[in-house]
Amino acid sequence: MKHVHGATIRAYSPTDCDRLADIWLEASRVGHPFLSEADLLDQQVKVRNIYLPQAENWVIELDGKPAGFIGLIDDFIGGLFIGPSAHGLGLGKALVLHVAGLKGALDVEVYADNDAAVGFYRRLGFAETLRHAQDDEGRPLEVFRMHRPA
């Protein structure tokens, strides 16, 4: 476990699944307003049943309760989500720096329309390497792939 500004980073436990799926939904409503509620609810089921169980996840807690998480597939950030009530506290940065310390170089994909996320990753040293005209679900939403060297 690692402590950052009163927060603790720890490995994921299956008992976190429902809370993290809720954080995912709350954060996605803020960060991805261009996705419909139906798309978000459909995706939340995949987060709970597929992505969380298959990824290497790190949870950040505030006051002993999960406030956000980062999910990795090898050195690819599959998702980084902080509950909206905890935005701006440096929790996302702490999670990225934690996994960079474990993995070295990192890659991530973000929606081009999510200005906050694109700016966040740029500030942490990520640079755009590729653009896709569609997201993973085939929607016409531009996605940036970004890389951060070790």
C-alpha atoms as a PDB file:
ATOM      1  CA  MET A   1       0.000   0.000   0.000  1.00  0.00           C
ATOM      2  CA  LYS A   2       1.158   3.476  -0.838  1.00  0.00           C
ATOM      3  CA  HIS A   3       0.001   6.720   0.799  1.00  0.00           C
ATOM      4  CA  VAL A   4      -0.530   9.946  -1.168  1.00  0.00           C
ATOM      5  CA  HIS A   5      -2.027  13.103   0.396  1.00  0.00           C
ATOM      6  CA  GLY A   6      -4.180  11.145   2.836  1.00  0.00           C
ATOM      7  CA  ALA A   7      -5.022   8.627   0.133  1.00  0.00           C
ATOM      8  CA  THR A   8      -3.943   5.001  -0.029  1.00  0.00           C
ATOM      9  CA  ILE A   9      -3.191   2.989  -3.182  1.00  0.00           C
ATOM     10  CA  ARG A  10      -3.735  -0.752  -2.938  1.00  0.00           C
ATOM     11  CA  ALA A  11      -4.305  -3.757  -5.156  1.00  0.00           C
ATOM     12  CA  TYR A  12      -7.849  -4.505  -6.319  1.00  0.00           C
ATOM     13  CA  SER A  13      -9.999  -7.017  -4.505  1.00  0.00           C
ATOM     14  CA  PRO A  14     -13.062  -8.689  -6.098  1.00  0.00           C
ATOM     15  CA  THR A  15     -15.140  -7.151  -3.280  1.00  0.00           C
ATOM     16  CA  ASP A  16     -14.391  -3.730  -4.885  1.00  0.00           C
ATOM     17  CA  CYS A  17     -16.171  -4.640  -8.116  1.00  0.00           C
ATOM     18  CA  ASP A  18     -19.600  -3.053  -7.542  1.00  0.00           C
ATOM     19  CA  ARG A  19     -18.197   0.156  -6.028  1.00  0.00           C
ATOM     20  CA  LEU A  20     -15.668   0.569  -8.837  1.00  0.00           C
ATOM     21  CA  ALA A  21     -18.361  -0.041 -11.476  1.00  0.00           C
ATOM     22  CA  ASP A  22     -20.365   2.763  -9.821  1.00  0.00           C
ATOM     23  CA  ILE A  23     -17.308   5.076  -9.808  1.00  0.00           C
ATOM     24  CA  TRP A  24     -16.795   4.206 -13.481  1.00  0.00           C
ATOM     25  CA  LEU A  25     -20.381   5.247 -14.284  1.00  0.00           C
ATOM     26  CA  GLU A  26     -20.270   8.479 -12.248  1.00  0.00           C
ATOM     27  CA  ALA A  27     -16.927   9.500 -13.770  1.00  0.00           C
ATOM     28  CA  SER A  28     -17.974   8.514 -17.307  1.00  0.00           C
ATOM     29  CA  ARG A  29     -21.120  10.645 -17.096  1.00  0.00           C
ATOM     30  CA  VAL A  30     -18.848  13.639 -16.405  1.00  0.00           C
ATOM     31  CA  GLY A  31     -15.975  12.796 -18.773  1.00  0.00           C
ATOM     32  CA  HIS A  32     -17.956  11.300 -21.653  1.00  0.00           C
ATOM     33  CA  PRO A  33     -21.107  13.463 -22.009  1.00  0.00           C
ATOM     34  CA  PHE A  34     -21.102  12.591 -25.734  1.00  0.00           C
ATOM     35  CA  LEU A  35     -22.096   8.983 -24.872  1.00  0.00           C
ATOM     36  CA  SER A  36     -25.759   8.224 -24.261  1.00  0.00           C
ATOM     37  CA  GLU A  37     -26.988   6.977 -20.884  1.00  0.00           C
ATOM     38  CA  ALA A  38     -27.976   3.698 -22.588  1.00  0.00           C
ATOM     39  CA  ASP A  39     -24.424   3.294 -23.935  1.00  0.00           C
ATOM     40  CA  LEU A  40     -22.978   4.051 -20.504  1.00  0.00           C
ATOM     41  CA  LEU A  41     -25.237   1.548 -18.711  1.00  0.00           C
ATOM     42  CA  ASP A  42     -24.428  -1.104 -21.327  1.00  0.00           C
ATOM     43  CA  GLN A  43     -20.709  -0.397 -20.928  1.00  0.00           C
ATOM     44  CA  GLN A  44     -20.980  -0.513 -17.116  1.00  0.00           C
ATOM     45  CA  VAL A  45     -22.075  -4.157 -17.348  1.00  0.00           C
ATOM     46  CA  LYS A  46     -18.913  -4.893 -19.365  1.00  0.00           C
ATOM     47  CA  VAL A  47     -16.787  -3.010 -16.835  1.00  0.00           C
ATOM     48  CA  ARG A  48     -18.229  -5.079 -13.969  1.00  0.00           C
ATOM     49  CA  ASN A  49     -18.251  -8.479 -15.709  1.00  0.00           C
ATOM     50  CA  ILE A  50     -15.282  -8.355 -18.092  1.00  0.00           C
ATOM     51  CA  TYR A  51     -12.856  -5.464 -17.645  1.00  0.00           C
ATOM     52  CA  LEU A  52     -12.462  -5.386 -13.856  1.00  0.00           C
ATOM     53  CA  PRO A  53     -12.003  -9.174 -13.508  1.00  0.00           C
ATOM     54  CA  GLN A  54      -9.511  -9.330 -16.425  1.00  0.00           C
ATOM     55  CA  ALA A  55      -7.369  -6.239 -15.774  1.00  0.00           C
ATOM     56  CA  GLU A  56      -4.644  -5.525 -13.239  1.00  0.00           C
ATOM     57  CA  ASN A  57      -6.399  -2.912 -11.103  1.00  0.00           C
ATOM     58  CA  TRP A  58      -5.108  -0.499  -8.478  1.00  0.00           C
ATOM     59  CA  VAL A  59      -7.570   1.246  -6.175  1.00  0.00           C
ATOM     60  CA  ILE A  60      -7.065   4.610  -4.498  1.00  0.00           C
ATOM     61  CA  GLU A  61      -8.906   5.114  -1.223  1.00  0.00           C
ATOM     62  CA  LEU A  62      -9.833   8.252   0.687  1.00  0.00           C
ATOM     63  CA  ASP A  63     -10.902   7.766   4.297  1.00  0.00           C
ATOM     64  CA  GLY A  64     -10.797   3.995   3.792  1.00  0.00           C
ATOM     65  CA  LYS A  65     -13.270   4.025   0.873  1.00  0.00           C
ATOM     66  CA  PRO A  66     -12.492   3.556  -2.845  1.00  0.00           C
ATOM     67  CA  ALA A  67     -12.378   6.947  -4.601  1.00  0.00           C
ATOM     68  CA  GLY A  68     -11.035   5.766  -7.952  1.00  0.00           C
ATOM     69  CA  PHE A  69      -9.036   3.153  -9.812  1.00  0.00           C
ATOM     70  CA  ILE A  70      -6.711   2.452 -12.694  1.00  0.00           C
ATOM     71  CA  GLY A  71      -6.929  -0.713 -14.768  1.00  0.00           C
ATOM     72  CA  LEU A  72      -3.982  -2.088 -16.751  1.00  0.00           C
ATOM     73  CA  ILE A  73      -3.487  -4.675 -19.425  1.00  0.00           C
ATOM     74  CA  ASP A  74       0.295  -5.125 -19.309  1.00  0.00           C
ATOM     75  CA  ASP A  75       1.549  -1.532 -19.800  1.00  0.00           C
ATOM     76  CA  PHE A  76      -1.683  -0.218 -21.366  1.00  0.00           C
ATOM     77  CA  ILE A  77      -4.017   1.866 -19.207  1.00  0.00           C
ATOM     78  CA  GLY A  78      -7.419   0.387 -19.983  1.00  0.00           C
ATOM     79  CA  GLY A  79      -9.125   2.874 -17.706  1.00  0.00           C
ATOM     80  CA  LEU A  80      -8.521   5.555 -15.097  1.00  0.00           C
ATOM     81  CA  PHE A  81     -11.596   6.738 -13.227  1.00  0.00           C
ATOM     82  CA  ILE A  82     -11.917   8.977 -10.182  1.00  0.00           C
ATOM     83  CA  GLY A  83     -15.281   9.604  -8.535  1.00  0.00           C
ATOM     84  CA  PRO A  84     -16.413  13.167  -9.401  1.00  0.00           C
ATOM     85  CA  SER A  85     -16.512  14.197  -5.722  1.00  0.00           C
ATOM     86  CA  ALA A  86     -12.754  13.477  -5.556  1.00  0.00           C
ATOM     87  CA  HIS A  87     -11.736  15.239  -8.796  1.00  0.00           C
ATOM     88  CA  GLY A  88      -8.889  17.746  -8.515  1.00  0.00           C
ATOM     89  CA  LEU A  89      -7.185  16.127  -5.508  1.00  0.00           C
ATOM     90  CA  GLY A  90      -4.308  14.585  -7.465  1.00  0.00           C
ATOM     91  CA  LEU A  91      -5.640  11.026  -7.155  1.00  0.00           C
ATOM     92  CA  GLY A  92      -5.466  10.287 -10.881  1.00  0.00           C
ATOM     93  CA  LYS A  93      -1.895  11.575 -11.070  1.00  0.00           C
ATOM     94  CA  ALA A  94      -0.959   9.458  -8.043  1.00  0.00           C
ATOM     95  CA  LEU A  95      -2.374   6.337  -9.713  1.00  0.00           C
ATOM     96  CA  VAL A  96      -0.585   6.991 -13.027  1.00  0.00           C
ATOM     97  CA  LEU A  97       2.736   7.632 -11.269  1.00  0.00           C
ATOM     98  CA  HIS A  98       2.220   4.496  -9.150  1.00  0.00           C
ATOM     99  CA  VAL A  99       1.767   2.247 -12.184  1.00  0.00           C
ATOM    100  CA  ALA A 100       4.559   4.036 -14.110  1.00  0.00           C
ATOM    101  CA  GLY A 101       6.831   3.034 -11.230  1.00  0.00           C
ATOM    102  CA  LEU A 102       5.748  -0.584 -11.695  1.00  0.00           C
ATOM    103  CA  LYS A 103       5.615  -0.765 -15.500  1.00  0.00           C
ATOM    104  CA  GLY A 104       7.882   1.931 -16.928  1.00  0.00           C
ATOM    105  CA  ALA A 105       6.528   3.127 -20.288  1.00  0.00           C
ATOM    106  CA  LEU A 106       2.736   3.396 -20.539  1.00  0.00           C
ATOM    107  CA  ASP A 107       0.135   3.705 -23.288  1.00  0.00           C
ATOM    108  CA  VAL A 108      -3.453   4.920 -23.079  1.00  0.00           C
ATOM    109  CA  GLU A 109      -6.350   5.720 -25.413  1.00  0.00           C
ATOM    110  CA  VAL A 110      -8.619   8.692 -24.713  1.00  0.00           C
ATOM    111  CA  TYR A 111     -11.574  10.246 -26.488  1.00  0.00           C
ATOM    112  CA  ALA A 112     -10.408  13.327 -28.393  1.00  0.00           C
ATOM    113  CA  ASP A 113     -13.525  15.146 -27.128  1.00  0.00           C
ATOM    114  CA  ASN A 114     -12.534  14.519 -23.496  1.00  0.00           C
ATOM    115  CA  ASP A 115     -10.392  17.665 -23.230  1.00  0.00           C
ATOM    116  CA  ALA A 116      -9.792  17.184 -19.509  1.00  0.00           C
ATOM    117  CA  ALA A 117      -8.352  13.687 -20.023  1.00  0.00           C
ATOM    118  CA  VAL A 118      -6.205  14.684 -23.000  1.00  0.00           C
ATOM    119  CA  GLY A 119      -4.774  17.616 -21.021  1.00  0.00           C
ATOM    120  CA  PHE A 120      -4.292  15.456 -17.921  1.00  0.00           C
ATOM    121  CA  TYR A 121      -2.226  12.865 -19.796  1.00  0.00           C
ATOM    122  CA  ARG A 122      -0.201  15.553 -21.622  1.00  0.00           C
ATOM    123  CA  ARG A 123       0.723  17.132 -18.278  1.00  0.00           C
ATOM    124  CA  LEU A 124       1.980  13.724 -17.126  1.00  0.00           C
ATOM    125  CA  GLY A 125       4.300  13.390 -20.120  1.00  0.00           C
ATOM    126  CA  PHE A 126       2.101  11.448 -22.544  1.00  0.00           C
ATOM    127  CA  ALA A 127       2.274  12.387 -26.237  1.00  0.00           C
ATOM    128  CA  GLU A 128      -0.181  11.476 -28.977  1.00  0.00           C
ATOM    129  CA  THR A 129       1.055   8.640 -31.207  1.00  0.00           C
ATOM    130  CA  LEU A 130      -2.047   7.615 -33.211  1.00  0.00           C
ATOM    131  CA  ARG A 131      -5.590   8.735 -33.955  1.00  0.00           C
ATOM    132  CA  HIS A 132      -8.553   6.478 -34.638  1.00  0.00           C
ATOM    133  CA  ALA A 133     -11.717   7.836 -36.263  1.00  0.00           C
ATOM    134  CA  GLN A 134     -13.873   5.392 -34.259  1.00  0.00           C
ATOM    135  CA  ASP A 135     -13.916   4.094 -30.691  1.00  0.00           C
ATOM    136  CA  ASP A 136     -13.738   0.404 -29.693  1.00  0.00           C
ATOM    137  CA  GLU A 137     -17.506   0.079 -30.158  1.00  0.00           C
ATOM    138  CA  GLY A 138     -17.349   1.441 -33.731  1.00  0.00           C
ATOM    139  CA  ARG A 139     -18.947   4.786 -32.835  1.00  0.00           C
ATOM    140  CA  PRO A 140     -17.745   7.773 -34.911  1.00  0.00           C
ATOM    141  CA  LEU A 141     -15.859   9.257 -31.951  1.00  0.00           C
ATOM    142  CA  GLU A 142     -12.190  10.121 -32.459  1.00  0.00           C
ATOM    143  CA  VAL A 143      -9.755   8.426 -30.091  1.00  0.00           C
ATOM    144  CA  PHE A 144      -6.133   9.407 -29.400  1.00  0.00           C
ATOM    145  CA  ARG A 145      -3.539   6.811 -28.483  1.00  0.00           C
ATOM    146  CA  MET A 146      -0.912   8.367 -26.227  1.00  0.00           C
ATOM    147  CA  HIS A 147       2.459   7.099 -24.968  1.00  0.00           C
ATOM    148  CA  ARG A 148       4.574   7.998 -21.957  1.00  0.00           C
ATOM    149  CA  PRO A 149       8.199   6.830 -22.075  1.00  0.00           C
ATOM    150  CA  ALA A 150       9.743   5.109 -19.060  1.00  0.00           C
END
